[in-house]
PDB file of all heavy atoms in Angstrom:
ATOM      1  N   THR A   1      94.791 120.375 111.812  1.00  0.00           N
ATOM      2  CA  THR A   1      95.994 120.583 112.616  1.00  0.00           C
ATOM      3  C   THR A   1      95.612 121.014 114.027  1.00  0.00           C
ATOM      4  O   THR A   1      94.522 121.540 114.272  1.00  0.00           O
ATOM      5  CB  THR A   1      96.913 121.659 112.016  1.00  0.00           C
ATOM      6  OG1 THR A   1      96.247 122.932 112.012  1.00  0.00           O
ATOM      7  CG2 THR A   1      97.358 121.304 110.611  1.00  0.00           C
ATOM      8  N   ILE A   2      96.542 120.772 114.929  1.00  0.00           N
ATOM      9  CA  ILE A   2      96.454 121.339 116.277  1.00  0.00           C
ATOM     10  C   ILE A   2      97.822 121.907 116.644  1.00  0.00           C
ATOM     11  O   ILE A   2      98.858 121.414 116.191  1.00  0.00           O
ATOM     12  CB  ILE A   2      95.999 120.306 117.337  1.00  0.00           C
ATOM     13  CG1 ILE A   2      96.911 119.063 117.323  1.00  0.00           C
ATOM     14  CG2 ILE A   2      94.551 119.908 117.121  1.00  0.00           C
ATOM     15  CD1 ILE A   2      97.817 118.945 118.510  1.00  0.00           C
ATOM     16  N   ASN A   3      97.818 122.958 117.440  1.00  0.00           N
ATOM     17  CA  ASN A   3      99.037 123.469 118.054  1.00  0.00           C
ATOM     18  C   ASN A   3      99.072 122.916 119.470  1.00  0.00           C
ATOM     19  O   ASN A   3      98.130 123.096 120.246  1.00  0.00           O
ATOM     20  CB  ASN A   3      99.034 124.997 118.056  1.00  0.00           C
ATOM     21  CG  ASN A   3     100.282 125.573 118.693  1.00  0.00           C
ATOM     22  OD1 ASN A   3     100.435 125.530 119.908  1.00  0.00           O
ATOM     23  ND2 ASN A   3     101.151 126.133 117.888  1.00  0.00           N
ATOM     24  N   LEU A   4     100.144 122.235 119.826  1.00  0.00           N
ATOM     25  CA  LEU A   4     100.199 121.536 121.101  1.00  0.00           C
ATOM     26  C   LEU A   4     100.048 122.480 122.286  1.00  0.00           C
ATOM     27  O   LEU A   4      99.448 122.124 123.307  1.00  0.00           O
ATOM     28  CB  LEU A   4     101.507 120.764 121.205  1.00  0.00           C
ATOM     29  CG  LEU A   4     101.583 119.692 122.292  1.00  0.00           C
ATOM     30  CD1 LEU A   4     100.477 118.659 122.127  1.00  0.00           C
ATOM     31  CD2 LEU A   4     102.948 119.021 122.290  1.00  0.00           C
ATOM     32  N   ASP A   5     100.547 123.694 122.152  1.00  0.00           N
ATOM     33  CA  ASP A   5     100.414 124.652 123.245  1.00  0.00           C
ATOM     34  C   ASP A   5      98.952 125.007 123.485  1.00  0.00           C
ATOM     35  O   ASP A   5      98.533 125.218 124.633  1.00  0.00           O
ATOM     36  CB  ASP A   5     101.222 125.916 122.951  1.00  0.00           C
ATOM     37  CG  ASP A   5     102.720 125.657 122.945  1.00  0.00           C
ATOM     38  OD1 ASP A   5     103.153 124.673 123.582  1.00  0.00           O
ATOM     39  OD2 ASP A   5     103.452 126.426 122.286  1.00  0.00           O
ATOM     40  N   ASP A   6      98.157 125.084 122.410  1.00  0.00           N
ATOM     41  CA  ASP A   6      96.728 125.358 122.562  1.00  0.00           C
ATOM     42  C   ASP A   6      96.055 124.245 123.356  1.00  0.00           C
ATOM     43  O   ASP A   6      95.214 124.490 124.231  1.00  0.00           O
ATOM     44  CB  ASP A   6      96.047 125.459 121.191  1.00  0.00           C
ATOM     45  CG  ASP A   6      96.411 126.713 120.431  1.00  0.00           C
ATOM     46  OD1 ASP A   6      96.930 127.656 121.050  1.00  0.00           O
ATOM     47  OD2 ASP A   6      96.174 126.733 119.208  1.00  0.00           O
ATOM     48  N   VAL A   7      96.413 122.992 123.041  1.00  0.00           N
ATOM     49  CA  VAL A   7      95.786 121.852 123.713  1.00  0.00           C
ATOM     50  C   VAL A   7      96.142 121.862 125.188  1.00  0.00           C
ATOM     51  O   VAL A   7      95.278 121.696 126.054  1.00  0.00           O
ATOM     52  CB  VAL A   7      96.216 120.532 123.051  1.00  0.00           C
ATOM     53  CG1 VAL A   7      95.605 119.341 123.776  1.00  0.00           C
ATOM     54  CG2 VAL A   7      95.802 120.509 121.579  1.00  0.00           C
ATOM     55  N   ARG A   8      97.399 122.055 125.500  1.00  0.00           N
ATOM     56  CA  ARG A   8      97.828 122.035 126.894  1.00  0.00           C
ATOM     57  C   ARG A   8      97.206 123.177 127.695  1.00  0.00           C
ATOM     58  O   ARG A   8      96.878 123.013 128.872  1.00  0.00           O
ATOM     59  CB  ARG A   8      99.346 122.114 126.963  1.00  0.00           C
ATOM     60  CG  ARG A   8     100.028 120.812 126.564  1.00  0.00           C
ATOM     61  CD  ARG A   8     101.530 120.967 126.545  1.00  0.00           C
ATOM     62  NE  ARG A   8     102.179 119.660 126.494  1.00  0.00           N
ATOM     63  CZ  ARG A   8     103.465 119.495 126.222  1.00  0.00           C
ATOM     64  NH1 ARG A   8     104.220 120.556 125.951  1.00  0.00           N
ATOM     65  NH2 ARG A   8     103.988 118.286 126.205  1.00  0.00           N
ATOM     66  N   ALA A   9      97.036 124.326 127.044  1.00  0.00           N
ATOM     67  CA  ALA A   9      96.487 125.491 127.745  1.00  0.00           C
ATOM     68  C   ALA A   9      94.969 125.510 127.758  1.00  0.00           C
ATOM     69  O   ALA A   9      94.360 126.364 128.404  1.00  0.00           O
ATOM     70  CB  ALA A   9      97.019 126.776 127.104  1.00  0.00           C
ATOM     71  N   GLY A  10      94.339 124.588 127.039  1.00  0.00           N
ATOM     72  CA  GLY A  10      92.882 124.562 126.985  1.00  0.00           C
ATOM     73  C   GLY A  10      92.287 125.693 126.188  1.00  0.00           C
ATOM     74  O   GLY A  10      91.132 126.062 126.396  1.00  0.00           O
ATOM     75  N   ARG A  11      93.077 126.252 125.247  1.00  0.00           N
ATOM     76  CA  ARG A  11      92.528 127.305 124.396  1.00  0.00           C
ATOM     77  C   ARG A  11      91.571 126.706 123.373  1.00  0.00           C
ATOM     78  O   ARG A  11      91.601 125.518 123.101  1.00  0.00           O
ATOM     79  CB  ARG A  11      93.662 128.067 123.698  1.00  0.00           C
ATOM     80  CG  ARG A  11      94.465 128.957 124.643  1.00  0.00           C
ATOM     81  CD  ARG A  11      95.405 129.860 123.856  1.00  0.00           C
ATOM     82  NE  ARG A  11      96.566 129.151 123.361  1.00  0.00           N
ATOM     83  CZ  ARG A  11      97.731 129.082 123.996  1.00  0.00           C
ATOM     84  NH1 ARG A  11      97.883 129.660 125.183  1.00  0.00           N
ATOM     85  NH2 ARG A  11      98.754 128.427 123.462  1.00  0.00           N
ATOM     86  N   GLY A  12      90.765 127.572 122.777  1.00  0.00           N
ATOM     87  CA  GLY A  12      89.827 127.113 121.767  1.00  0.00           C
ATOM     88  C   GLY A  12      88.427 127.579 122.092  1.00  0.00           C
ATOM     89  O   GLY A  12      88.165 128.150 123.149  1.00  0.00           O
ATOM     90  N   PRO A  13      87.487 127.341 121.185  1.00  0.00           N
ATOM     91  CA  PRO A  13      86.095 127.744 121.425  1.00  0.00           C
ATOM     92  C   PRO A  13      85.483 126.921 122.557  1.00  0.00           C
ATOM     93  O   PRO A  13      85.935 125.811 122.864  1.00  0.00           O
ATOM     94  CB  PRO A  13      85.400 127.449 120.097  1.00  0.00           C
ATOM     95  CG  PRO A  13      86.230 126.386 119.471  1.00  0.00           C
ATOM     96  CD  PRO A  13      87.640 126.666 119.876  1.00  0.00           C
ATOM     97  N   ARG A  14      84.450 127.457 123.154  1.00  0.00           N
ATOM     98  CA  ARG A  14      83.751 126.761 124.236  1.00  0.00           C
ATOM     99  C   ARG A  14      83.019 125.549 123.688  1.00  0.00           C
ATOM    100  O   ARG A  14      82.395 125.608 122.635  1.00  0.00           O
ATOM    101  CB  ARG A  14      82.765 127.730 124.899  1.00  0.00           C
ATOM    102  CG  ARG A  14      81.971 127.148 126.052  1.00  0.00           C
ATOM    103  CD  ARG A  14      81.169 128.256 126.733  1.00  0.00           C
ATOM    104  NE  ARG A  14      80.198 128.865 125.836  1.00  0.00           N
ATOM    105  CZ  ARG A  14      78.925 128.475 125.744  1.00  0.00           C
ATOM    106  NH1 ARG A  14      78.482 127.473 126.497  1.00  0.00           N
ATOM    107  NH2 ARG A  14      78.102 129.082 124.903  1.00  0.00           N
ATOM    108  N   ASN A  15      83.100 124.437 124.395  1.00  0.00           N
ATOM    109  CA  ASN A  15      82.344 123.240 124.025  1.00  0.00           C
ATOM    110  C   ASN A  15      80.892 123.455 124.442  1.00  0.00           C
ATOM    111  O   ASN A  15      80.569 123.417 125.623  1.00  0.00           O
ATOM    112  CB  ASN A  15      82.938 122.016 124.721  1.00  0.00           C
ATOM    113  CG  ASN A  15      82.183 120.734 124.410  1.00  0.00           C
ATOM    114  OD1 ASN A  15      81.216 120.732 123.641  1.00  0.00           O
ATOM    115  ND2 ASN A  15      82.616 119.637 125.015  1.00  0.00           N
ATOM    116  N   VAL A  16      80.017 123.653 123.474  1.00  0.00           N
ATOM    117  CA  VAL A  16      78.632 123.989 123.803  1.00  0.00           C
ATOM    118  C   VAL A  16      77.720 122.778 123.889  1.00  0.00           C
ATOM    119  O   VAL A  16      76.661 122.836 124.528  1.00  0.00           O
ATOM    120  CB  VAL A  16      78.047 124.993 122.778  1.00  0.00           C
ATOM    121  CG1 VAL A  16      78.778 126.322 122.869  1.00  0.00           C
ATOM    122  CG2 VAL A  16      78.077 124.434 121.367  1.00  0.00           C
ATOM    123  N   ASP A  17      78.114 121.630 123.254  1.00  0.00           N
ATOM    124  CA  ASP A  17      77.159 120.517 123.258  1.00  0.00           C
ATOM    125  C   ASP A  17      77.763 119.149 122.980  1.00  0.00           C
ATOM    126  O   ASP A  17      77.037 118.174 122.779  1.00  0.00           O
ATOM    127  CB  ASP A  17      76.032 120.773 122.241  1.00  0.00           C
ATOM    128  CG  ASP A  17      76.534 120.967 120.816  1.00  0.00           C
ATOM    129  OD1 ASP A  17      77.694 120.609 120.530  1.00  0.00           O
ATOM    130  OD2 ASP A  17      75.775 121.470 119.967  1.00  0.00           O
ATOM    131  N   SER A  18      79.095 119.010 122.937  1.00  0.00           N
ATOM    132  CA  SER A  18      79.693 117.724 122.602  1.00  0.00           C
ATOM    133  C   SER A  18      79.912 116.878 123.851  1.00  0.00           C
ATOM    134  O   SER A  18      80.498 117.334 124.838  1.00  0.00           O
ATOM    135  CB  SER A  18      81.037 117.921 121.892  1.00  0.00           C
ATOM    136  OG  SER A  18      81.631 116.650 121.631  1.00  0.00           O
ATOM    137  N   GLY A  19      79.440 115.620 123.777  1.00  0.00           N
ATOM    138  CA  GLY A  19      79.665 114.674 124.858  1.00  0.00           C
ATOM    139  C   GLY A  19      80.491 113.479 124.422  1.00  0.00           C
ATOM    140  O   GLY A  19      80.500 112.452 125.105  1.00  0.00           O
ATOM    141  N   ALA A  20      81.187 113.581 123.299  1.00  0.00           N
ATOM    142  CA  ALA A  20      81.968 112.461 122.778  1.00  0.00           C
ATOM    143  C   ALA A  20      83.078 112.080 123.742  1.00  0.00           C
ATOM    144  O   ALA A  20      83.649 112.928 124.442  1.00  0.00           O
ATOM    145  CB  ALA A  20      82.554 112.819 121.416  1.00  0.00           C
ATOM    146  N   THR A  21      83.398 110.791 123.783  1.00  0.00           N
ATOM    147  CA  THR A  21      84.518 110.302 124.573  1.00  0.00           C
ATOM    148  C   THR A  21      85.604 109.776 123.637  1.00  0.00           C
ATOM    149  O   THR A  21      85.369 109.523 122.459  1.00  0.00           O
ATOM    150  CB  THR A  21      84.084 109.190 125.543  1.00  0.00           C
ATOM    151  OG1 THR A  21      83.453 108.136 124.794  1.00  0.00           O
ATOM    152  CG2 THR A  21      83.106 109.729 126.568  1.00  0.00           C
ATOM    153  N   GLY A  22      86.784 109.590 124.199  1.00  0.00           N
ATOM    154  CA  GLY A  22      87.930 109.265 123.364  1.00  0.00           C
ATOM    155  C   GLY A  22      88.414 110.518 122.655  1.00  0.00           C
ATOM    156  O   GLY A  22      87.790 111.584 122.740  1.00  0.00           O
ATOM    157  N   THR A  23      89.530 110.428 121.985  1.00  0.00           N
ATOM    158  CA  THR A  23      90.078 111.585 121.289  1.00  0.00           C
ATOM    159  C   THR A  23      90.917 111.145 120.103  1.00  0.00           C
ATOM    160  O   THR A  23      91.529 110.071 120.121  1.00  0.00           O
ATOM    161  CB  THR A  23      90.938 112.453 122.225  1.00  0.00           C
ATOM    162  OG1 THR A  23      91.479 113.566 121.488  1.00  0.00           O
ATOM    163  CG2 THR A  23      92.081 111.652 122.828  1.00  0.00           C
ATOM    164  N   THR A  24      90.945 111.979 119.077  1.00  0.00           N
ATOM    165  CA  THR A  24      91.752 111.720 117.885  1.00  0.00           C
ATOM    166  C   THR A  24      93.206 112.147 118.055  1.00  0.00           C
ATOM    167  O   THR A  24      94.021 111.900 117.152  1.00  0.00           O
ATOM    168  CB  THR A  24      91.165 112.473 116.678  1.00  0.00           C
ATOM    169  OG1 THR A  24      91.222 113.886 116.934  1.00  0.00           O
ATOM    170  CG2 THR A  24      89.730 112.065 116.416  1.00  0.00           C
ATOM    171  N   LEU A  25      93.553 112.768 119.160  1.00  0.00           N
ATOM    172  CA  LEU A  25      94.884 113.359 119.304  1.00  0.00           C
ATOM    173  C   LEU A  25      96.004 112.348 119.074  1.00  0.00           C
ATOM    174  O   LEU A  25      97.072 112.702 118.570  1.00  0.00           O
ATOM    175  CB  LEU A  25      95.041 113.992 120.687  1.00  0.00           C
ATOM    176  CG  LEU A  25      94.438 115.388 120.868  1.00  0.00           C
ATOM    177  CD1 LEU A  25      94.564 115.829 122.316  1.00  0.00           C
ATOM    178  CD2 LEU A  25      95.106 116.395 119.950  1.00  0.00           C
ATOM    179  N   GLY A  26      95.773 111.102 119.424  1.00  0.00           N
ATOM    180  CA  GLY A  26      96.814 110.095 119.234  1.00  0.00           C
ATOM    181  C   GLY A  26      97.130 109.800 117.788  1.00  0.00           C
ATOM    182  O   GLY A  26      98.127 109.131 117.491  1.00  0.00           O
ATOM    183  N   ASP A  27      96.314 110.297 116.851  1.00  0.00           N
ATOM    184  CA  ASP A  27      96.539 110.071 115.419  1.00  0.00           C
ATOM    185  C   ASP A  27      97.425 111.133 114.782  1.00  0.00           C
ATOM    186  O   ASP A  27      97.826 110.986 113.621  1.00  0.00           O
ATOM    187  CB  ASP A  27      95.203 110.062 114.663  1.00  0.00           C
ATOM    188  CG  ASP A  27      94.278 108.951 115.119  1.00  0.00           C
ATOM    189  OD1 ASP A  27      94.771 107.963 115.691  1.00  0.00           O
ATOM    190  OD2 ASP A  27      93.057 109.089 114.908  1.00  0.00           O
ATOM    191  N   PHE A  28      97.731 112.195 115.506  1.00  0.00           N
ATOM    192  CA  PHE A  28      98.377 113.353 114.895  1.00  0.00           C
ATOM    193  C   PHE A  28      99.886 113.162 114.795  1.00  0.00           C
ATOM    194  O   PHE A  28     100.515 112.550 115.658  1.00  0.00           O
ATOM    195  CB  PHE A  28      98.050 114.616 115.695  1.00  0.00           C
ATOM    196  CG  PHE A  28      96.679 115.171 115.430  1.00  0.00           C
ATOM    197  CD1 PHE A  28      95.546 114.496 115.843  1.00  0.00           C
ATOM    198  CD2 PHE A  28      96.518 116.370 114.754  1.00  0.00           C
ATOM    199  CE1 PHE A  28      94.278 114.991 115.597  1.00  0.00           C
ATOM    200  CE2 PHE A  28      95.251 116.887 114.500  1.00  0.00           C
ATOM    201  CZ  PHE A  28      94.136 116.196 114.917  1.00  0.00           C
ATOM    202  N   LEU A  29     100.466 113.713 113.708  1.00  0.00           N
ATOM    203  CA  LEU A  29     101.892 113.628 113.419  1.00  0.00           C
ATOM    204  C   LEU A  29     102.505 115.027 113.444  1.00  0.00           C
ATOM    205  O   LEU A  29     101.893 115.989 112.971  1.00  0.00           O
ATOM    206  CB  LEU A  29     102.122 113.010 112.039  1.00  0.00           C
ATOM    207  CG  LEU A  29     101.477 111.647 111.781  1.00  0.00           C
ATOM    208  CD1 LEU A  29     101.701 111.239 110.327  1.00  0.00           C
ATOM    209  CD2 LEU A  29     102.018 110.594 112.731  1.00  0.00           C
ATOM    210  N   ARG A  30     103.716 115.121 113.949  1.00  0.00           N
ATOM    211  CA  ARG A  30     104.374 116.429 114.014  1.00  0.00           C
ATOM    212  C   ARG A  30     104.808 116.866 112.616  1.00  0.00           C
ATOM    213  O   ARG A  30     105.340 116.070 111.833  1.00  0.00           O
ATOM    214  CB  ARG A  30     105.579 116.365 114.953  1.00  0.00           C
ATOM    215  CG  ARG A  30     106.235 117.719 115.221  1.00  0.00           C
ATOM    216  CD  ARG A  30     107.127 117.675 116.450  1.00  0.00           C
ATOM    217  NE  ARG A  30     108.129 116.615 116.346  1.00  0.00           N
ATOM    218  CZ  ARG A  30     108.753 116.099 117.400  1.00  0.00           C
ATOM    219  NH1 ARG A  30     108.469 116.539 118.628  1.00  0.00           N
ATOM    220  NH2 ARG A  30     109.657 115.156 117.232  1.00  0.00           N
ATOM    221  N   VAL A  31     104.577 118.120 112.312  1.00  0.00           N
ATOM    222  CA  VAL A  31     104.884 118.641 110.982  1.00  0.00           C
ATOM    223  C   VAL A  31     106.363 118.505 110.665  1.00  0.00           C
ATOM    224  O   VAL A  31     106.745 118.134 109.548  1.00  0.00           O
ATOM    225  CB  VAL A  31     104.436 120.109 110.856  1.00  0.00           C
ATOM    226  CG1 VAL A  31     104.991 120.746 109.579  1.00  0.00           C
ATOM    227  CG2 VAL A  31     102.912 120.217 110.880  1.00  0.00           C
ATOM    228  N   SER A  32     107.232 118.747 111.615  1.00  0.00           N
ATOM    229  CA  SER A  32     108.658 118.812 111.332  1.00  0.00           C
ATOM    230  C   SER A  32     109.243 117.481 110.899  1.00  0.00           C
ATOM    231  O   SER A  32     110.094 117.429 110.002  1.00  0.00           O
ATOM    232  CB  SER A  32     109.424 119.327 112.559  1.00  0.00           C
ATOM    233  OG  SER A  32     109.256 118.432 113.657  1.00  0.00           O
ATOM    234  N   ASP A  33     108.807 116.378 111.522  1.00  0.00           N
ATOM    235  CA  ASP A  33     109.474 115.097 111.276  1.00  0.00           C
ATOM    236  C   ASP A  33     108.529 113.897 111.242  1.00  0.00           C
ATOM    237  O   ASP A  33     108.977 112.753 111.236  1.00  0.00           O
ATOM    238  CB  ASP A  33     110.549 114.855 112.340  1.00  0.00           C
ATOM    239  CG  ASP A  33     109.980 114.887 113.762  1.00  0.00           C
ATOM    240  OD1 ASP A  33     108.749 115.021 113.922  1.00  0.00           O
ATOM    241  OD2 ASP A  33     110.783 114.787 114.717  1.00  0.00           O
ATOM    242  N   LEU A  34     107.214 114.138 111.238  1.00  0.00           N
ATOM    243  CA  LEU A  34     106.194 113.088 111.199  1.00  0.00           C
ATOM    244  C   LEU A  34     106.183 112.210 112.455  1.00  0.00           C
ATOM    245  O   LEU A  34     105.594 111.126 112.449  1.00  0.00           O
ATOM    246  CB  LEU A  34     106.349 112.210 109.956  1.00  0.00           C
ATOM    247  CG  LEU A  34     106.264 112.910 108.599  1.00  0.00           C
ATOM    248  CD1 LEU A  34     106.420 111.895 107.472  1.00  0.00           C
ATOM    249  CD2 LEU A  34     104.947 113.660 108.447  1.00  0.00           C
ATOM    250  N   ALA A  35     106.799 112.681 113.524  1.00  0.00           N
ATOM    251  CA  ALA A  35     106.761 111.913 114.771  1.00  0.00           C
ATOM    252  C   ALA A  35     105.343 111.950 115.329  1.00  0.00           C
ATOM    253  O   ALA A  35     104.716 113.009 115.383  1.00  0.00           O
ATOM    254  CB  ALA A  35     107.737 112.501 115.793  1.00  0.00           C
ATOM    255  N   PRO A  36     104.805 110.801 115.764  1.00  0.00           N
ATOM    256  CA  PRO A  36     103.466 110.801 116.363  1.00  0.00           C
ATOM    257  C   PRO A  36     103.480 111.472 117.730  1.00  0.00           C
ATOM    258  O   PRO A  36     104.521 111.565 118.383  1.00  0.00           O
ATOM    259  CB  PRO A  36     103.132 109.314 116.483  1.00  0.00           C
ATOM    260  CG  PRO A  36     104.460 108.636 116.542  1.00  0.00           C
ATOM    261  CD  PRO A  36     105.400 109.457 115.709  1.00  0.00           C
ATOM    262  N   LEU A  37     102.324 111.943 118.131  1.00  0.00           N
ATOM    263  CA  LEU A  37     102.183 112.526 119.456  1.00  0.00           C
ATOM    264  C   LEU A  37     102.487 111.429 120.473  1.00  0.00           C
ATOM    265  O   LEU A  37     101.812 110.392 120.497  1.00  0.00           O
ATOM    266  CB  LEU A  37     100.754 113.050 119.630  1.00  0.00           C
ATOM    267  CG  LEU A  37     100.517 114.206 120.592  1.00  0.00           C
ATOM    268  CD1 LEU A  37     101.350 115.410 120.206  1.00  0.00           C
ATOM    269  CD2 LEU A  37      99.047 114.579 120.605  1.00  0.00           C
ATOM    270  N   GLU A  38     103.515 111.612 121.297  1.00  0.00           N
ATOM    271  CA  GLU A  38     103.933 110.583 122.240  1.00  0.00           C
ATOM    272  C   GLU A  38     102.862 110.368 123.301  1.00  0.00           C
ATOM    273  O   GLU A  38     102.159 111.291 123.701  1.00  0.00           O
ATOM    274  CB  GLU A  38     105.260 110.971 122.878  1.00  0.00           C
ATOM    275  CG  GLU A  38     106.404 111.066 121.867  1.00  0.00           C
ATOM    276  CD  GLU A  38     107.718 111.472 122.508  1.00  0.00           C
ATOM    277  OE1 GLU A  38     107.743 111.596 123.755  1.00  0.00           O
ATOM    278  OE2 GLU A  38     108.701 111.662 121.771  1.00  0.00           O
TER     279      GLU A  38
END
C-alpha cells in the first residue's frame, strides 16, 4: 500500500542505492472504490 499524501510530500526512508526508472504507482487501486490512480 501507499498513502497518497506520503507520496506527494516525499515522505519515506532515504533512497540509499536505487537507480530504477519507471514506477509501479500507476498499478495502484484506491481502497474505497478500486479506482486506479488517475
